Amino acid sequence: MEKYELFDIVNENDEVIGQATREECHSNPNITHRTVGFTLIKSDGKLLITKRGLGKRFDPGKYIFLGEHMIAGENYEQGVIRGAKEEIGIDIKEYKDIGTYKFNLPEQTELVHFFLIKFDDKQNLKYDSSEILEEYWMTPEEILKSSLDLGGMTKTWLEILSKTDFESLKWQ
């Protein structure tokens, strides 16, 4: 059923130029589709990093930030709100837009918009234990210094975040 989901296809200016199924997007690097990447950030600056399920097609068993494909017609903010609800069962209220990066992978091309989501310790994460095997809360510096086997997109976002003043990412 998932393979029939429709995604927007975009050009170099992030303008919608068509639509394709999930399967078409994941098997043709010549078409670019939109996704959102995100992680949670606590008031102490620690980020959520998760170990991806072993049955996943991309980055199985690697430590990653979360993400969600955007369905056709959805904007980035709608995608991250829906994605947080679907992936970890939370309703988000505050988030920070970190930026967009184009990932050219052998099987696909994704335009990923990344967000940090303010996390309140009173919320409970609810996720499918076959999709997320483990969760850790670490500062960006701890993740970068760790020996975790990081997914490629997560490495890129950490490099981008490392150029940011992490103190400025904390909410008051």
C-alpha atoms as a PDB file:
ATOM      1  CA  MET A   1       0.000   0.000   0.000  1.00  0.00           C
ATOM      2  CA  GLU A   2       2.811   2.428   0.872  1.00  0.00           C
ATOM      3  CA  LYS A   3       4.222   2.228  -2.639  1.00  0.00           C
ATOM      4  CA  TYR A   4       1.120   3.993  -3.969  1.00  0.00           C
ATOM      5  CA  GLU A   5       1.547   7.102  -1.819  1.00  0.00           C
ATOM      6  CA  LEU A   6       2.022  10.155  -4.014  1.00  0.00           C
ATOM      7  CA  PHE A   7       4.895  12.537  -3.405  1.00  0.00           C
ATOM      8  CA  ASP A   8       5.512  15.903  -5.020  1.00  0.00           C
ATOM      9  CA  ILE A   9       8.433  16.038  -7.418  1.00  0.00           C
ATOM     10  CA  VAL A  10      10.347  19.328  -7.301  1.00  0.00           C
ATOM     11  CA  ASN A  11      12.878  21.171  -9.437  1.00  0.00           C
ATOM     12  CA  GLU A  12      16.122  22.878  -8.343  1.00  0.00           C
ATOM     13  CA  ASN A  13      14.095  25.825  -6.962  1.00  0.00           C
ATOM     14  CA  ASP A  14      11.891  23.544  -4.816  1.00  0.00           C
ATOM     15  CA  GLU A  15       8.910  24.193  -7.092  1.00  0.00           C
ATOM     16  CA  VAL A  16       6.454  21.348  -7.609  1.00  0.00           C
ATOM     17  CA  ILE A  17       6.677  20.054 -11.173  1.00  0.00           C
ATOM     18  CA  GLY A  18       4.768  16.775 -10.845  1.00  0.00           C
ATOM     19  CA  GLN A  19       3.997  13.788  -8.669  1.00  0.00           C
ATOM     20  CA  ALA A  20       5.279  10.223  -8.370  1.00  0.00           C
ATOM     21  CA  THR A  21       4.695   7.195  -6.183  1.00  0.00           C
ATOM     22  CA  ARG A  22       6.976   6.290  -3.287  1.00  0.00           C
ATOM     23  CA  GLU A  23       8.399   3.414  -5.320  1.00  0.00           C
ATOM     24  CA  GLU A  24       9.130   5.665  -8.316  1.00  0.00           C
ATOM     25  CA  CYS A  25      10.849   8.213  -6.069  1.00  0.00           C
ATOM     26  CA  HIS A  26      12.929   5.532  -4.332  1.00  0.00           C
ATOM     27  CA  SER A  27      14.133   3.989  -7.559  1.00  0.00           C
ATOM     28  CA  ASN A  28      15.001   7.018  -9.688  1.00  0.00           C
ATOM     29  CA  PRO A  29      17.756   9.424  -8.605  1.00  0.00           C
ATOM     30  CA  ASN A  30      16.804  11.755 -11.464  1.00  0.00           C
ATOM     31  CA  ILE A  31      13.632  12.900  -9.709  1.00  0.00           C
ATOM     32  CA  THR A  32      13.723  14.897  -6.487  1.00  0.00           C
ATOM     33  CA  HIS A  33      11.086  14.492  -3.793  1.00  0.00           C
ATOM     34  CA  ARG A  34      10.583  16.345  -0.506  1.00  0.00           C
ATOM     35  CA  THR A  35      11.043  15.020   3.002  1.00  0.00           C
ATOM     36  CA  VAL A  36      11.409  16.488   6.459  1.00  0.00           C
ATOM     37  CA  GLY A  37      14.089  15.520   8.934  1.00  0.00           C
ATOM     38  CA  PHE A  38      13.767  16.305  12.597  1.00  0.00           C
ATOM     39  CA  THR A  39      14.896  15.593  16.087  1.00  0.00           C
ATOM     40  CA  LEU A  40      13.760  16.625  19.514  1.00  0.00           C
ATOM     41  CA  ILE A  41      15.741  18.980  21.716  1.00  0.00           C
ATOM     42  CA  LYS A  42      15.359  19.222  25.490  1.00  0.00           C
ATOM     43  CA  SER A  43      15.882  22.367  27.517  1.00  0.00           C
ATOM     44  CA  ASP A  44      19.389  21.121  28.426  1.00  0.00           C
ATOM     45  CA  GLY A  45      20.346  20.962  24.738  1.00  0.00           C
ATOM     46  CA  LYS A  46      20.267  17.174  24.456  1.00  0.00           C
ATOM     47  CA  LEU A  47      18.962  15.766  21.175  1.00  0.00           C
ATOM     48  CA  LEU A  48      17.055  12.568  20.501  1.00  0.00           C
ATOM     49  CA  ILE A  49      18.975  10.056  18.406  1.00  0.00           C
ATOM     50  CA  THR A  50      17.448   6.687  17.586  1.00  0.00           C
ATOM     51  CA  LYS A  51      18.651   3.321  16.349  1.00  0.00           C
ATOM     52  CA  ARG A  52      16.779   2.504  13.152  1.00  0.00           C
ATOM     53  CA  GLY A  53      14.985  -0.826  12.769  1.00  0.00           C
ATOM     54  CA  LEU A  54      16.879  -3.642  11.083  1.00  0.00           C
ATOM     55  CA  GLY A  55      14.095  -4.218   8.554  1.00  0.00           C
ATOM     56  CA  LYS A  56      14.285  -0.698   7.109  1.00  0.00           C
ATOM     57  CA  ARG A  57      15.365  -0.292   3.481  1.00  0.00           C
ATOM     58  CA  PHE A  58      17.733   2.622   4.111  1.00  0.00           C
ATOM     59  CA  ASP A  59      20.255   2.795   6.992  1.00  0.00           C
ATOM     60  CA  PRO A  60      19.033  -0.312   8.884  1.00  0.00           C
ATOM     61  CA  GLY A  61      20.554  -0.522  12.363  1.00  0.00           C
ATOM     62  CA  LYS A  62      22.174   2.908  12.120  1.00  0.00           C
ATOM     63  CA  TYR A  63      21.702   5.785  14.549  1.00  0.00           C
ATOM     64  CA  ILE A  64      19.636   8.526  13.016  1.00  0.00           C
ATOM     65  CA  PHE A  65      17.518  11.585  13.486  1.00  0.00           C
ATOM     66  CA  LEU A  66      13.919  11.028  12.443  1.00  0.00           C
ATOM     67  CA  GLY A  67      12.264  11.868   9.165  1.00  0.00           C
ATOM     68  CA  GLU A  68       9.075  11.677   7.199  1.00  0.00           C
ATOM     69  CA  HIS A  69       8.207  11.765   3.529  1.00  0.00           C
ATOM     70  CA  MET A  70       5.914  14.589   2.595  1.00  0.00           C
ATOM     71  CA  ILE A  71       2.748  13.601   0.831  1.00  0.00           C
ATOM     72  CA  ALA A  72       1.676  15.455  -2.299  1.00  0.00           C
ATOM     73  CA  GLY A  73       0.345  18.937  -1.551  1.00  0.00           C
ATOM     74  CA  GLU A  74       1.872  19.159   1.930  1.00  0.00           C
ATOM     75  CA  ASN A  75       4.210  21.985   2.996  1.00  0.00           C
ATOM     76  CA  TYR A  76       7.261  21.490   5.220  1.00  0.00           C
ATOM     77  CA  GLU A  77       5.550  22.637   8.420  1.00  0.00           C
ATOM     78  CA  GLN A  78       2.610  20.285   7.827  1.00  0.00           C
ATOM     79  CA  GLY A  79       5.096  17.487   7.137  1.00  0.00           C
ATOM     80  CA  VAL A  80       7.042  17.903  10.366  1.00  0.00           C
ATOM     81  CA  ILE A  81       3.872  18.202  12.471  1.00  0.00           C
ATOM     82  CA  ARG A  82       2.399  15.047  10.908  1.00  0.00           C
ATOM     83  CA  GLY A  83       5.762  13.272  10.992  1.00  0.00           C
ATOM     84  CA  ALA A  84       6.302  13.853  14.712  1.00  0.00           C
ATOM     85  CA  LYS A  85       2.822  12.530  15.429  1.00  0.00           C
ATOM     86  CA  GLU A  86       3.241   9.448  13.226  1.00  0.00           C
ATOM     87  CA  GLU A  87       6.855   8.591  14.129  1.00  0.00           C
ATOM     88  CA  ILE A  88       6.921   9.269  17.874  1.00  0.00           C
ATOM     89  CA  GLY A  89       3.343  10.062  18.881  1.00  0.00           C
ATOM     90  CA  ILE A  90       3.738  13.681  19.979  1.00  0.00           C
ATOM     91  CA  ASP A  91       1.927  16.881  19.140  1.00  0.00           C
ATOM     92  CA  ILE A  92       4.482  19.607  18.573  1.00  0.00           C
ATOM     93  CA  LYS A  93       4.047  23.255  19.419  1.00  0.00           C
ATOM     94  CA  GLU A  94       7.479  24.820  19.026  1.00  0.00           C
ATOM     95  CA  TYR A  95      10.113  24.038  16.446  1.00  0.00           C
ATOM     96  CA  LYS A  96      13.057  25.729  14.767  1.00  0.00           C
ATOM     97  CA  ASP A  97      13.763  25.552  11.078  1.00  0.00           C
ATOM     98  CA  ILE A  98      17.426  24.608  10.573  1.00  0.00           C
ATOM     99  CA  GLY A  99      17.504  24.561   6.787  1.00  0.00           C
ATOM    100  CA  THR A 100      17.297  22.487   3.627  1.00  0.00           C
ATOM    101  CA  TYR A 101      19.817  20.102   2.114  1.00  0.00           C
ATOM    102  CA  LYS A 102      19.658  18.042  -1.075  1.00  0.00           C
ATOM    103  CA  PHE A 103      20.776  14.441  -0.677  1.00  0.00           C
ATOM    104  CA  ASN A 104      21.835  12.737  -3.914  1.00  0.00           C
ATOM    105  CA  LEU A 105      21.769   9.031  -3.152  1.00  0.00           C
ATOM    106  CA  PRO A 106      22.342   6.134  -5.568  1.00  0.00           C
ATOM    107  CA  GLU A 107      18.656   5.148  -5.671  1.00  0.00           C
ATOM    108  CA  GLN A 108      16.937   8.480  -4.976  1.00  0.00           C
ATOM    109  CA  THR A 109      17.262  12.222  -4.537  1.00  0.00           C
ATOM    110  CA  GLU A 110      15.651  13.900  -1.535  1.00  0.00           C
ATOM    111  CA  LEU A 111      15.265  17.559  -0.706  1.00  0.00           C
ATOM    112  CA  VAL A 112      15.213  17.434   3.103  1.00  0.00           C
ATOM    113  CA  HIS A 113      14.062  20.300   5.286  1.00  0.00           C
ATOM    114  CA  PHE A 114      15.357  19.841   8.859  1.00  0.00           C
ATOM    115  CA  PHE A 115      13.720  20.963  12.111  1.00  0.00           C
ATOM    116  CA  LEU A 116      14.551  20.918  15.807  1.00  0.00           C
ATOM    117  CA  ILE A 117      11.440  20.326  17.905  1.00  0.00           C
ATOM    118  CA  LYS A 118      11.188  21.583  21.470  1.00  0.00           C
ATOM    119  CA  PHE A 119      10.549  18.593  23.732  1.00  0.00           C
ATOM    120  CA  ASP A 120       8.815  18.776  27.081  1.00  0.00           C
ATOM    121  CA  ASP A 121       9.871  15.970  29.428  1.00  0.00           C
ATOM    122  CA  LYS A 122       6.209  15.560  30.396  1.00  0.00           C
ATOM    123  CA  GLN A 123       5.451  14.133  26.957  1.00  0.00           C
ATOM    124  CA  ASN A 124       5.759  10.403  26.333  1.00  0.00           C
ATOM    125  CA  LEU A 125       7.291   9.108  23.145  1.00  0.00           C
ATOM    126  CA  LYS A 126       5.239   6.405  21.450  1.00  0.00           C
ATOM    127  CA  TYR A 127       6.812   4.557  18.571  1.00  0.00           C
ATOM    128  CA  ASP A 128       6.850   1.243  16.782  1.00  0.00           C
ATOM    129  CA  SER A 129       9.617  -0.841  18.395  1.00  0.00           C
ATOM    130  CA  SER A 130      10.343  -2.516  15.041  1.00  0.00           C
ATOM    131  CA  GLU A 131      11.130   0.891  13.518  1.00  0.00           C
ATOM    132  CA  ILE A 132      13.011   2.418  16.458  1.00  0.00           C
ATOM    133  CA  LEU A 133      15.117  -0.073  18.408  1.00  0.00           C
ATOM    134  CA  GLU A 134      16.744   2.306  20.894  1.00  0.00           C
ATOM    135  CA  GLU A 135      16.622   5.959  21.862  1.00  0.00           C
ATOM    136  CA  TYR A 136      19.336   8.130  23.372  1.00  0.00           C
ATOM    137  CA  TRP A 137      19.476  11.724  24.534  1.00  0.00           C
ATOM    138  CA  MET A 138      22.854  13.293  23.861  1.00  0.00           C
ATOM    139  CA  THR A 139      24.282  16.698  23.165  1.00  0.00           C
ATOM    140  CA  PRO A 140      25.436  17.256  19.590  1.00  0.00           C
ATOM    141  CA  GLU A 141      29.017  17.202  20.857  1.00  0.00           C
ATOM    142  CA  GLU A 142      28.466  13.826  22.578  1.00  0.00           C
ATOM    143  CA  ILE A 143      26.971  12.373  19.384  1.00  0.00           C
ATOM    144  CA  LEU A 144      29.871  13.653  17.295  1.00  0.00           C
ATOM    145  CA  LYS A 145      32.426  12.189  19.748  1.00  0.00           C
ATOM    146  CA  SER A 146      30.593   8.867  20.112  1.00  0.00           C
ATOM    147  CA  SER A 147      31.299   5.646  18.257  1.00  0.00           C
ATOM    148  CA  LEU A 148      27.668   5.301  17.154  1.00  0.00           C
ATOM    149  CA  ASP A 149      27.256   4.083  13.571  1.00  0.00           C
ATOM    150  CA  LEU A 150      25.492   7.179  12.239  1.00  0.00           C
ATOM    151  CA  GLY A 151      23.337   7.287   9.127  1.00  0.00           C
ATOM    152  CA  GLY A 152      24.592   9.484   6.295  1.00  0.00           C
ATOM    153  CA  MET A 153      21.881  12.141   6.563  1.00  0.00           C
ATOM    154  CA  THR A 154      22.336  12.348  10.328  1.00  0.00           C
ATOM    155  CA  LYS A 155      26.093  12.908   9.859  1.00  0.00           C
ATOM    156  CA  THR A 156      25.337  15.763   7.476  1.00  0.00           C
ATOM    157  CA  TRP A 157      22.836  17.397   9.855  1.00  0.00           C
ATOM    158  CA  LEU A 158      25.314  17.085  12.730  1.00  0.00           C
ATOM    159  CA  GLU A 159      27.971  18.797  10.594  1.00  0.00           C
ATOM    160  CA  ILE A 160      25.510  21.595   9.830  1.00  0.00           C
ATOM    161  CA  LEU A 161      24.479  21.842  13.485  1.00  0.00           C
ATOM    162  CA  SER A 162      28.135  21.864  14.586  1.00  0.00           C
ATOM    163  CA  LYS A 163      28.530  25.223  12.824  1.00  0.00           C
ATOM    164  CA  THR A 164      25.727  26.581  14.982  1.00  0.00           C
ATOM    165  CA  ASP A 165      26.025  27.948  18.487  1.00  0.00           C
ATOM    166  CA  PHE A 166      24.255  25.107  20.310  1.00  0.00           C
ATOM    167  CA  GLU A 167      23.398  27.421  23.172  1.00  0.00           C
ATOM    168  CA  SER A 168      21.242  29.396  20.763  1.00  0.00           C
ATOM    169  CA  LEU A 169      19.240  26.259  19.989  1.00  0.00           C
ATOM    170  CA  LYS A 170      17.896  25.974  23.536  1.00  0.00           C
ATOM    171  CA  TRP A 171      14.512  27.393  24.388  1.00  0.00           C
ATOM    172  CA  GLN A 172      14.169  29.479  27.510  1.00  0.00           C
END
